[in-house]
Structures are given as structure tokens and as C-alpha cells.
């Protein structure tokens, strides 16, 4: 599955517009941090339920701090309902 959008400089942009400098530490040395978030689709409610979302973002921010990666938002901002206004989940080819 190829991403159609990515989050860059505080906004979602078409993936084709994404850029990264070859001098970026993550590119040159493979430095990076990620956190997988499990979601469960509820067919009757047509909704995804995310498992332990707050804990995932707390771990992500801790890991980034260790790597001296500064993230622009707090755990509360990442986990707020407003953060999920833009569809970012792909379920079998459907955007939800």
C-alpha cells in the first residue's frame, strides 16, 4: 500500500510533494522513532476504536526525547478528537 498523503510541516500534503534533505540525521544515519497503534473496526457503528492511544503517544514522545527529536504537539493534542478530523486510516482500500 502506497501512502497518498503525509504529514509535513504541520499539514497533510500529497505524498508526491514530500521532501527530505539528504543532510537530515534520520536519512543519513537511520535515526527515527515510530509507534504502532492498533485499531479495531466496529462494523455496526462504522467506526475505528484505537487501543491505548494515550499510552502510545506517551511512549512516542519519550522515545523522541531520548533521540533528541522535538515533536510539535503534546500528548493531549495528539490524542484529542480534533486530531482525527482528517481521515488517516486505510481499511481495505477505504478511507475512513
PDB file of N, CA and C in Angstrom:
ATOM      1  N   UNK A   1       0.841  -1.168   0.000  1.00  0.00           N
ATOM      2  CA  UNK A   1       0.000   0.000   0.000  1.00  0.00           C
ATOM      3  C   UNK A   1       0.894   1.241   0.000  1.00  0.00           C
ATOM      4  N   UNK A   2       0.658   2.123  -0.903  1.00  0.00           N
ATOM      5  CA  UNK A   2       1.437   3.351  -1.009  1.00  0.00           C
ATOM      6  C   UNK A   2       0.652   4.510  -0.406  1.00  0.00           C
ATOM      7  N   UNK A   3       1.332   5.321   0.410  1.00  0.00           N
ATOM      8  CA  UNK A   3       0.676   6.467   1.039  1.00  0.00           C
ATOM      9  C   UNK A   3       0.291   7.499  -0.010  1.00  0.00           C
ATOM     10  N   UNK A   4      -0.908   8.055   0.155  1.00  0.00           N
ATOM     11  CA  UNK A   4      -1.375   9.107  -0.749  1.00  0.00           C
ATOM     12  C   UNK A   4      -1.091  10.486  -0.173  1.00  0.00           C
ATOM     13  N   UNK A   5      -1.034  10.539   1.167  1.00  0.00           N
ATOM     14  CA  UNK A   5      -0.771  11.798   1.857  1.00  0.00           C
ATOM     15  C   UNK A   5       0.266  11.549   2.936  1.00  0.00           C
ATOM     16  N   UNK A   6       0.918  12.630   3.352  1.00  0.00           N
ATOM     17  CA  UNK A   6       1.793  12.563   4.508  1.00  0.00           C
ATOM     18  C   UNK A   6       1.693  13.866   5.275  1.00  0.00           C
ATOM     19  N   UNK A   7       2.107  13.807   6.519  1.00  0.00           N
ATOM     20  CA  UNK A   7       2.040  14.969   7.403  1.00  0.00           C
ATOM     21  C   UNK A   7       3.417  15.613   7.420  1.00  0.00           C
ATOM     22  N   UNK A   8       3.504  16.824   6.881  1.00  0.00           N
ATOM     23  CA  UNK A   8       4.791  17.502   6.760  1.00  0.00           C
ATOM     24  C   UNK A   8       4.635  18.964   7.154  1.00  0.00           C
ATOM     25  N   UNK A   9       5.477  19.408   8.051  1.00  0.00           N
ATOM     26  CA  UNK A   9       5.462  20.811   8.487  1.00  0.00           C
ATOM     27  C   UNK A   9       4.088  21.256   8.974  1.00  0.00           C
ATOM     28  N   UNK A  10       3.416  20.376   9.722  1.00  0.00           N
ATOM     29  CA  UNK A  10       2.156  20.743  10.348  1.00  0.00           C
ATOM     30  C   UNK A  10       0.913  20.617   9.505  1.00  0.00           C
ATOM     31  N   UNK A  11       1.023  20.016   8.320  1.00  0.00           N
ATOM     32  CA  UNK A  11      -0.177  19.852   7.495  1.00  0.00           C
ATOM     33  C   UNK A  11      -0.070  18.596   6.629  1.00  0.00           C
ATOM     34  N   UNK A  12      -1.229  18.102   6.202  1.00  0.00           N
ATOM     35  CA  UNK A  12      -1.265  16.966   5.293  1.00  0.00           C
ATOM     36  C   UNK A  12      -1.033  17.467   3.878  1.00  0.00           C
ATOM     37  N   UNK A  13      -0.132  16.802   3.167  1.00  0.00           N
ATOM     38  CA  UNK A  13       0.190  17.175   1.788  1.00  0.00           C
ATOM     39  C   UNK A  13       0.197  15.911   0.935  1.00  0.00           C
ATOM     40  N   UNK A  14       0.003  16.048  -0.382  1.00  0.00           N
ATOM     41  CA  UNK A  14       0.107  14.871  -1.249  1.00  0.00           C
ATOM     42  C   UNK A  14       1.500  14.240  -1.100  1.00  0.00           C
ATOM     43  N   UNK A  15       1.559  12.929  -1.066  1.00  0.00           N
ATOM     44  CA  UNK A  15       2.835  12.233  -0.868  1.00  0.00           C
ATOM     45  C   UNK A  15       3.872  12.639  -1.907  1.00  0.00           C
ATOM     46  N   UNK A  16       3.435  12.937  -3.110  1.00  0.00           N
ATOM     47  CA  UNK A  16       4.366  13.337  -4.173  1.00  0.00           C
ATOM     48  C   UNK A  16       5.077  14.655  -3.854  1.00  0.00           C
ATOM     49  N   UNK A  17       4.535  15.450  -2.929  1.00  0.00           N
ATOM     50  CA  UNK A  17       5.141  16.738  -2.575  1.00  0.00           C
ATOM     51  C   UNK A  17       6.089  16.633  -1.382  1.00  0.00           C
ATOM     52  N   UNK A  18       6.216  15.442  -0.816  1.00  0.00           N
ATOM     53  CA  UNK A  18       7.082  15.258   0.340  1.00  0.00           C
ATOM     54  C   UNK A  18       8.554  15.339  -0.038  1.00  0.00           C
ATOM     55  N   UNK A  19       9.325  16.023   0.778  1.00  0.00           N
ATOM     56  CA  UNK A  19      10.764  16.139   0.541  1.00  0.00           C
ATOM     57  C   UNK A  19      11.513  15.940   1.850  1.00  0.00           C
ATOM     58  N   UNK A  20      12.770  15.559   1.729  1.00  0.00           N
ATOM     59  CA  UNK A  20      13.644  15.436   2.894  1.00  0.00           C
ATOM     60  C   UNK A  20      15.066  15.745   2.435  1.00  0.00           C
ATOM     61  N   UNK A  21      15.778  16.479   3.237  1.00  0.00           N
ATOM     62  CA  UNK A  21      17.160  16.817   2.904  1.00  0.00           C
ATOM     63  C   UNK A  21      18.050  15.594   3.104  1.00  0.00           C
ATOM     64  N   UNK A  22      19.017  15.410   2.233  1.00  0.00           N
ATOM     65  CA  UNK A  22      19.961  14.303   2.401  1.00  0.00           C
ATOM     66  C   UNK A  22      20.866  14.530   3.609  1.00  0.00           C
ATOM     67  N   UNK A  23      20.851  15.738   4.152  1.00  0.00           N
ATOM     68  CA  UNK A  23      21.636  16.046   5.348  1.00  0.00           C
ATOM     69  C   UNK A  23      20.849  15.800   6.630  1.00  0.00           C
ATOM     70  N   UNK A  24      19.604  15.378   6.508  1.00  0.00           N
ATOM     71  CA  UNK A  24      18.790  15.070   7.678  1.00  0.00           C
ATOM     72  C   UNK A  24      19.392  13.876   8.418  1.00  0.00           C
ATOM     73  N   UNK A  25      19.492  13.977   9.730  1.00  0.00           N
ATOM     74  CA  UNK A  25      20.096  12.913  10.537  1.00  0.00           C
ATOM     75  C   UNK A  25      19.390  11.579  10.318  1.00  0.00           C
ATOM     76  N   UNK A  26      18.080  11.607  10.244  1.00  0.00           N
ATOM     77  CA  UNK A  26      17.323  10.373  10.030  1.00  0.00           C
ATOM     78  C   UNK A  26      17.627   9.718   8.698  1.00  0.00           C
ATOM     79  N   UNK A  27      17.865  10.507   7.690  1.00  0.00           N
ATOM     80  CA  UNK A  27      18.203   9.974   6.368  1.00  0.00           C
ATOM     81  C   UNK A  27      19.637   9.447   6.350  1.00  0.00           C
ATOM     82  N   UNK A  28      20.554  10.235   6.891  1.00  0.00           N
ATOM     83  CA  UNK A  28      21.972   9.881   6.833  1.00  0.00           C
ATOM     84  C   UNK A  28      22.332   8.712   7.752  1.00  0.00           C
ATOM     85  N   UNK A  29      21.677   8.635   8.923  1.00  0.00           N
ATOM     86  CA  UNK A  29      22.063   7.631   9.917  1.00  0.00           C
ATOM     87  C   UNK A  29      20.939   6.662  10.285  1.00  0.00           C
ATOM     88  N   UNK A  30      19.783   6.849   9.729  1.00  0.00           N
ATOM     89  CA  UNK A  30      18.661   5.961  10.038  1.00  0.00           C
ATOM     90  C   UNK A  30      18.018   6.235  11.384  1.00  0.00           C
ATOM     91  N   UNK A  31      18.272   7.404  11.949  1.00  0.00           N
ATOM     92  CA  UNK A  31      17.663   7.765  13.223  1.00  0.00           C
ATOM     93  C   UNK A  31      16.171   7.987  13.018  1.00  0.00           C
ATOM     94  N   UNK A  32      15.379   7.355  13.827  1.00  0.00           N
ATOM     95  CA  UNK A  32      13.943   7.552  13.701  1.00  0.00           C
ATOM     96  C   UNK A  32      13.211   6.910  14.855  1.00  0.00           C
ATOM     97  N   UNK A  33      11.970   7.246  14.972  1.00  0.00           N
ATOM     98  CA  UNK A  33      11.150   6.742  16.052  1.00  0.00           C
ATOM     99  C   UNK A  33       9.739   6.551  15.523  1.00  0.00           C
ATOM    100  N   UNK A  34       9.130   5.428  15.852  1.00  0.00           N
ATOM    101  CA  UNK A  34       7.749   5.221  15.432  1.00  0.00           C
ATOM    102  C   UNK A  34       7.016   4.427  16.496  1.00  0.00           C
ATOM    103  N   UNK A  35       5.720   4.477  16.429  1.00  0.00           N
ATOM    104  CA  UNK A  35       4.863   3.766  17.374  1.00  0.00           C
ATOM    105  C   UNK A  35       3.683   3.227  16.599  1.00  0.00           C
ATOM    106  N   UNK A  36       3.435   1.957  16.714  1.00  0.00           N
ATOM    107  CA  UNK A  36       2.276   1.354  16.053  1.00  0.00           C
ATOM    108  C   UNK A  36       1.049   1.458  16.937  1.00  0.00           C
ATOM    109  N   UNK A  37      -0.062   1.833  16.361  1.00  0.00           N
ATOM    110  CA  UNK A  37      -1.310   1.974  17.119  1.00  0.00           C
ATOM    111  C   UNK A  37      -2.328   1.004  16.545  1.00  0.00           C
ATOM    112  N   UNK A  38      -2.813   0.121  17.397  1.00  0.00           N
ATOM    113  CA  UNK A  38      -3.787  -0.869  16.951  1.00  0.00           C
ATOM    114  C   UNK A  38      -5.186  -0.269  16.987  1.00  0.00           C
ATOM    115  N   UNK A  39      -5.922  -0.499  15.928  1.00  0.00           N
ATOM    116  CA  UNK A  39      -7.301  -0.040  15.857  1.00  0.00           C
ATOM    117  C   UNK A  39      -8.221  -1.186  15.493  1.00  0.00           C
ATOM    118  N   UNK A  40      -9.404  -1.168  16.038  1.00  0.00           N
ATOM    119  CA  UNK A  40     -10.398  -2.206  15.764  1.00  0.00           C
ATOM    120  C   UNK A  40     -11.613  -1.579  15.101  1.00  0.00           C
ATOM    121  N   UNK A  41     -11.980  -2.097  13.951  1.00  0.00           N
ATOM    122  CA  UNK A  41     -13.123  -1.604  13.193  1.00  0.00           C
ATOM    123  C   UNK A  41     -14.404  -2.203  13.749  1.00  0.00           C
ATOM    124  N   UNK A  42     -15.376  -1.339  14.079  1.00  0.00           N
ATOM    125  CA  UNK A  42     -16.691  -1.776  14.530  1.00  0.00           C
ATOM    126  C   UNK A  42     -17.648  -1.578  13.363  1.00  0.00           C
ATOM    127  N   UNK A  43     -18.013  -2.664  12.722  1.00  0.00           N
ATOM    128  CA  UNK A  43     -18.839  -2.604  11.513  1.00  0.00           C
ATOM    129  C   UNK A  43     -20.198  -1.970  11.785  1.00  0.00           C
ATOM    130  N   UNK A  44     -20.830  -2.329  12.901  1.00  0.00           N
ATOM    131  CA  UNK A  44     -22.177  -1.808  13.166  1.00  0.00           C
ATOM    132  C   UNK A  44     -22.173  -0.303  13.417  1.00  0.00           C
ATOM    133  N   UNK A  45     -21.097   0.215  13.994  1.00  0.00           N
ATOM    134  CA  UNK A  45     -21.009   1.655  14.257  1.00  0.00           C
ATOM    135  C   UNK A  45     -20.205   2.395  13.195  1.00  0.00           C
ATOM    136  N   UNK A  46     -19.618   1.647  12.240  1.00  0.00           N
ATOM    137  CA  UNK A  46     -18.799   2.249  11.180  1.00  0.00           C
ATOM    138  C   UNK A  46     -17.739   3.172  11.782  1.00  0.00           C
ATOM    139  N   UNK A  47     -17.009   2.639  12.764  1.00  0.00           N
ATOM    140  CA  UNK A  47     -16.043   3.445  13.497  1.00  0.00           C
ATOM    141  C   UNK A  47     -14.842   2.594  13.889  1.00  0.00           C
ATOM    142  N   UNK A  48     -13.676   3.221  13.932  1.00  0.00           N
ATOM    143  CA  UNK A  48     -12.463   2.565  14.416  1.00  0.00           C
ATOM    144  C   UNK A  48     -12.264   2.938  15.879  1.00  0.00           C
ATOM    145  N   UNK A  49     -11.996   1.930  16.694  1.00  0.00           N
ATOM    146  CA  UNK A  49     -11.654   2.157  18.096  1.00  0.00           C
ATOM    147  C   UNK A  49     -10.161   1.902  18.250  1.00  0.00           C
ATOM    148  N   UNK A  50      -9.435   2.902  18.753  1.00  0.00           N
ATOM    149  CA  UNK A  50      -7.984   2.810  18.884  1.00  0.00           C
ATOM    150  C   UNK A  50      -7.624   2.323  20.280  1.00  0.00           C
ATOM    151  N   UNK A  51      -6.690   1.367  20.347  1.00  0.00           N
ATOM    152  CA  UNK A  51      -6.325   0.712  21.600  1.00  0.00           C
ATOM    153  C   UNK A  51      -5.200   1.469  22.298  1.00  0.00           C
ATOM    154  N   UNK A  52      -5.470   1.911  23.516  1.00  0.00           N
ATOM    155  CA  UNK A  52      -4.484   2.581  24.372  1.00  0.00           C
ATOM    156  C   UNK A  52      -3.743   3.715  23.660  1.00  0.00           C
ATOM    157  N   UNK A  53      -4.518   4.575  23.047  1.00  0.00           N
ATOM    158  CA  UNK A  53      -3.956   5.665  22.250  1.00  0.00           C
ATOM    159  C   UNK A  53      -3.038   6.568  23.070  1.00  0.00           C
ATOM    160  N   UNK A  54      -3.491   6.966  24.243  1.00  0.00           N
ATOM    161  CA  UNK A  54      -2.693   7.875  25.068  1.00  0.00           C
ATOM    162  C   UNK A  54      -1.333   7.258  25.408  1.00  0.00           C
ATOM    163  N   UNK A  55      -1.342   5.982  25.813  1.00  0.00           N
ATOM    164  CA  UNK A  55      -0.091   5.314  26.166  1.00  0.00           C
ATOM    165  C   UNK A  55       0.867   5.248  24.975  1.00  0.00           C
ATOM    166  N   UNK A  56       0.333   5.042  23.776  1.00  0.00           N
ATOM    167  CA  UNK A  56       1.174   5.011  22.582  1.00  0.00           C
ATOM    168  C   UNK A  56       1.878   6.356  22.382  1.00  0.00           C
ATOM    169  N   UNK A  57       1.126   7.438  22.508  1.00  0.00           N
ATOM    170  CA  UNK A  57       1.736   8.751  22.294  1.00  0.00           C
ATOM    171  C   UNK A  57       2.685   9.134  23.426  1.00  0.00           C
ATOM    172  N   UNK A  58       2.406   8.689  24.643  1.00  0.00           N
ATOM    173  CA  UNK A  58       3.353   8.937  25.739  1.00  0.00           C
ATOM    174  C   UNK A  58       4.686   8.252  25.452  1.00  0.00           C
ATOM    175  N   UNK A  59       4.628   6.990  24.985  1.00  0.00           N
ATOM    176  CA  UNK A  59       5.860   6.273  24.627  1.00  0.00           C
ATOM    177  C   UNK A  59       6.579   6.950  23.466  1.00  0.00           C
ATOM    178  N   UNK A  60       5.811   7.372  22.465  1.00  0.00           N
ATOM    179  CA  UNK A  60       6.407   8.032  21.301  1.00  0.00           C
ATOM    180  C   UNK A  60       7.154   9.293  21.720  1.00  0.00           C
ATOM    181  N   UNK A  61       6.532  10.128  22.536  1.00  0.00           N
ATOM    182  CA  UNK A  61       7.182  11.358  22.969  1.00  0.00           C
ATOM    183  C   UNK A  61       8.414  11.071  23.825  1.00  0.00           C
ATOM    184  N   UNK A  62       8.354  10.042  24.696  1.00  0.00           N
ATOM    185  CA  UNK A  62       9.529   9.662  25.494  1.00  0.00           C
ATOM    186  C   UNK A  62      10.678   9.199  24.598  1.00  0.00           C
ATOM    187  N   UNK A  63      10.355   8.350  23.632  1.00  0.00           N
ATOM    188  CA  UNK A  63      11.383   7.834  22.715  1.00  0.00           C
ATOM    189  C   UNK A  63      12.006   8.964  21.906  1.00  0.00           C
ATOM    190  N   UNK A  64      11.172   9.883  21.433  1.00  0.00           N
ATOM    191  CA  UNK A  64      11.689  11.021  20.663  1.00  0.00           C
ATOM    192  C   UNK A  64      12.594  11.897  21.523  1.00  0.00           C
ATOM    193  N   UNK A  65      12.218  12.074  22.780  1.00  0.00           N
ATOM    194  CA  UNK A  65      13.042  12.889  23.676  1.00  0.00           C
ATOM    195  C   UNK A  65      14.429  12.263  23.844  1.00  0.00           C
ATOM    196  N   UNK A  66      14.483  10.939  23.988  1.00  0.00           N
ATOM    197  CA  UNK A  66      15.766  10.243  24.115  1.00  0.00           C
ATOM    198  C   UNK A  66      16.625  10.474  22.876  1.00  0.00           C
ATOM    199  N   UNK A  67      15.994  10.474  21.699  1.00  0.00           N
ATOM    200  CA  UNK A  67      16.716  10.675  20.438  1.00  0.00           C
ATOM    201  C   UNK A  67      16.910  12.152  20.093  1.00  0.00           C
ATOM    202  N   UNK A  68      16.471  13.034  20.989  1.00  0.00           N
ATOM    203  CA  UNK A  68      16.550  14.481  20.789  1.00  0.00           C
ATOM    204  C   UNK A  68      15.784  14.923  19.544  1.00  0.00           C
ATOM    205  N   UNK A  69      14.626  14.287  19.338  1.00  0.00           N
ATOM    206  CA  UNK A  69      13.707  14.671  18.266  1.00  0.00           C
ATOM    207  C   UNK A  69      12.587  15.459  18.918  1.00  0.00           C
ATOM    208  N   UNK A  70      12.371  16.675  18.482  1.00  0.00           N
ATOM    209  CA  UNK A  70      11.331  17.525  19.051  1.00  0.00           C
ATOM    210  C   UNK A  70      10.058  17.378  18.239  1.00  0.00           C
ATOM    211  N   UNK A  71       8.983  17.001  18.904  1.00  0.00           N
ATOM    212  CA  UNK A  71       7.681  16.912  18.245  1.00  0.00           C
ATOM    213  C   UNK A  71       6.890  18.181  18.547  1.00  0.00           C
ATOM    214  N   UNK A  72       6.058  18.629  17.609  1.00  0.00           N
ATOM    215  CA  UNK A  72       5.403  19.931  17.759  1.00  0.00           C
ATOM    216  C   UNK A  72       4.185  19.944  18.672  1.00  0.00           C
ATOM    217  N   UNK A  73       3.707  18.786  19.125  1.00  0.00           N
ATOM    218  CA  UNK A  73       2.465  18.752  19.886  1.00  0.00           C
ATOM    219  C   UNK A  73       2.637  17.983  21.189  1.00  0.00           C
ATOM    220  N   UNK A  74       1.702  18.185  22.110  1.00  0.00           N
ATOM    221  CA  UNK A  74       1.679  17.454  23.376  1.00  0.00           C
ATOM    222  C   UNK A  74       0.865  16.173  23.205  1.00  0.00           C
ATOM    223  N   UNK A  75       0.931  15.299  24.210  1.00  0.00           N
ATOM    224  CA  UNK A  75       0.126  14.073  24.188  1.00  0.00           C
ATOM    225  C   UNK A  75      -1.353  14.427  24.080  1.00  0.00           C
ATOM    226  N   UNK A  76      -1.788  15.436  24.826  1.00  0.00           N
ATOM    227  CA  UNK A  76      -3.200  15.838  24.764  1.00  0.00           C
ATOM    228  C   UNK A  76      -3.595  16.284  23.363  1.00  0.00           C
ATOM    229  N   UNK A  77      -2.714  17.009  22.692  1.00  0.00           N
ATOM    230  CA  UNK A  77      -3.023  17.458  21.330  1.00  0.00           C
ATOM    231  C   UNK A  77      -3.069  16.283  20.360  1.00  0.00           C
ATOM    232  N   UNK A  78      -2.155  15.343  20.500  1.00  0.00           N
ATOM    233  CA  UNK A  78      -2.155  14.180  19.607  1.00  0.00           C
ATOM    234  C   UNK A  78      -3.385  13.305  19.818  1.00  0.00           C
ATOM    235  N   UNK A  79      -3.885  13.242  21.041  1.00  0.00           N
ATOM    236  CA  UNK A  79      -4.997  12.337  21.329  1.00  0.00           C
ATOM    237  C   UNK A  79      -6.365  13.006  21.312  1.00  0.00           C
ATOM    238  N   UNK A  80      -6.416  14.296  21.030  1.00  0.00           N
ATOM    239  CA  UNK A  80      -7.713  14.981  21.010  1.00  0.00           C
ATOM    240  C   UNK A  80      -8.546  14.530  19.817  1.00  0.00           C
ATOM    241  N   UNK A  81      -9.848  14.648  19.944  1.00  0.00           N
ATOM    242  CA  UNK A  81     -10.748  14.300  18.840  1.00  0.00           C
ATOM    243  C   UNK A  81     -10.422  15.113  17.594  1.00  0.00           C
ATOM    244  N   UNK A  82     -10.034  16.368  17.786  1.00  0.00           N
ATOM    245  CA  UNK A  82      -9.739  17.240  16.648  1.00  0.00           C
ATOM    246  C   UNK A  82      -8.578  16.706  15.816  1.00  0.00           C
ATOM    247  N   UNK A  83      -7.668  15.974  16.449  1.00  0.00           N
ATOM    248  CA  UNK A  83      -6.522  15.419  15.717  1.00  0.00           C
ATOM    249  C   UNK A  83      -6.953  14.382  14.701  1.00  0.00           C
ATOM    250  N   UNK A  84      -8.155  13.861  14.838  1.00  0.00           N
ATOM    251  CA  UNK A  84      -8.626  12.809  13.936  1.00  0.00           C
ATOM    252  C   UNK A  84      -9.696  13.303  12.981  1.00  0.00           C
ATOM    253  N   UNK A  85      -9.802  14.620  12.810  1.00  0.00           N
ATOM    254  CA  UNK A  85     -10.753  15.160  11.835  1.00  0.00           C
ATOM    255  C   UNK A  85     -10.384  14.763  10.413  1.00  0.00           C
ATOM    256  N   UNK A  86      -9.095  14.678  10.137  1.00  0.00           N
ATOM    257  CA  UNK A  86      -8.638  14.296   8.803  1.00  0.00           C
ATOM    258  C   UNK A  86      -8.521  12.784   8.741  1.00  0.00           C
ATOM    259  N   UNK A  87      -9.199  12.160   7.791  1.00  0.00           N
ATOM    260  CA  UNK A  87      -9.110  10.692   7.709  1.00  0.00           C
ATOM    261  C   UNK A  87      -7.675  10.248   7.479  1.00  0.00           C
ATOM    262  N   UNK A  88      -7.221   9.314   8.299  1.00  0.00           N
ATOM    263  CA  UNK A  88      -5.845   8.853   8.147  1.00  0.00           C
ATOM    264  C   UNK A  88      -5.745   7.342   8.302  1.00  0.00           C
ATOM    265  N   UNK A  89      -6.867   6.664   8.284  1.00  0.00           N
ATOM    266  CA  UNK A  89      -6.878   5.216   8.436  1.00  0.00           C
ATOM    267  C   UNK A  89      -7.303   4.596   7.118  1.00  0.00           C
ATOM    268  N   UNK A  90      -6.589   3.591   6.688  1.00  0.00           N
ATOM    269  CA  UNK A  90      -6.946   2.877   5.470  1.00  0.00           C
ATOM    270  C   UNK A  90      -7.434   1.500   5.871  1.00  0.00           C
ATOM    271  N   UNK A  91      -8.633   1.164   5.494  1.00  0.00           N
ATOM    272  CA  UNK A  91      -9.213  -0.122   5.847  1.00  0.00           C
ATOM    273  C   UNK A  91      -9.627  -0.815   4.566  1.00  0.00           C
ATOM    274  N   UNK A  92      -8.807  -1.728   4.116  1.00  0.00           N
ATOM    275  CA  UNK A  92      -9.140  -2.461   2.903  1.00  0.00           C
ATOM    276  C   UNK A  92      -9.382  -1.558   1.711  1.00  0.00           C
ATOM    277  N   UNK A  93      -8.606  -0.502   1.587  1.00  0.00           N
ATOM    278  CA  UNK A  93      -8.764   0.394   0.450  1.00  0.00           C
ATOM    279  C   UNK A  93      -9.774   1.498   0.673  1.00  0.00           C
ATOM    280  N   UNK A  94     -10.500   1.464   1.802  1.00  0.00           N
ATOM    281  CA  UNK A  94     -11.469   2.529   2.106  1.00  0.00           C
ATOM    282  C   UNK A  94     -10.823   3.535   3.030  1.00  0.00           C
ATOM    283  N   UNK A  95     -11.031   4.792   2.771  1.00  0.00           N
ATOM    284  CA  UNK A  95     -10.570   5.841   3.683  1.00  0.00           C
ATOM    285  C   UNK A  95     -11.677   6.082   4.687  1.00  0.00           C
ATOM    286  N   UNK A  96     -11.325   6.079   5.956  1.00  0.00           N
ATOM    287  CA  UNK A  96     -12.336   6.339   6.983  1.00  0.00           C
ATOM    288  C   UNK A  96     -11.852   7.424   7.920  1.00  0.00           C
TER     289      UNK A  96
END
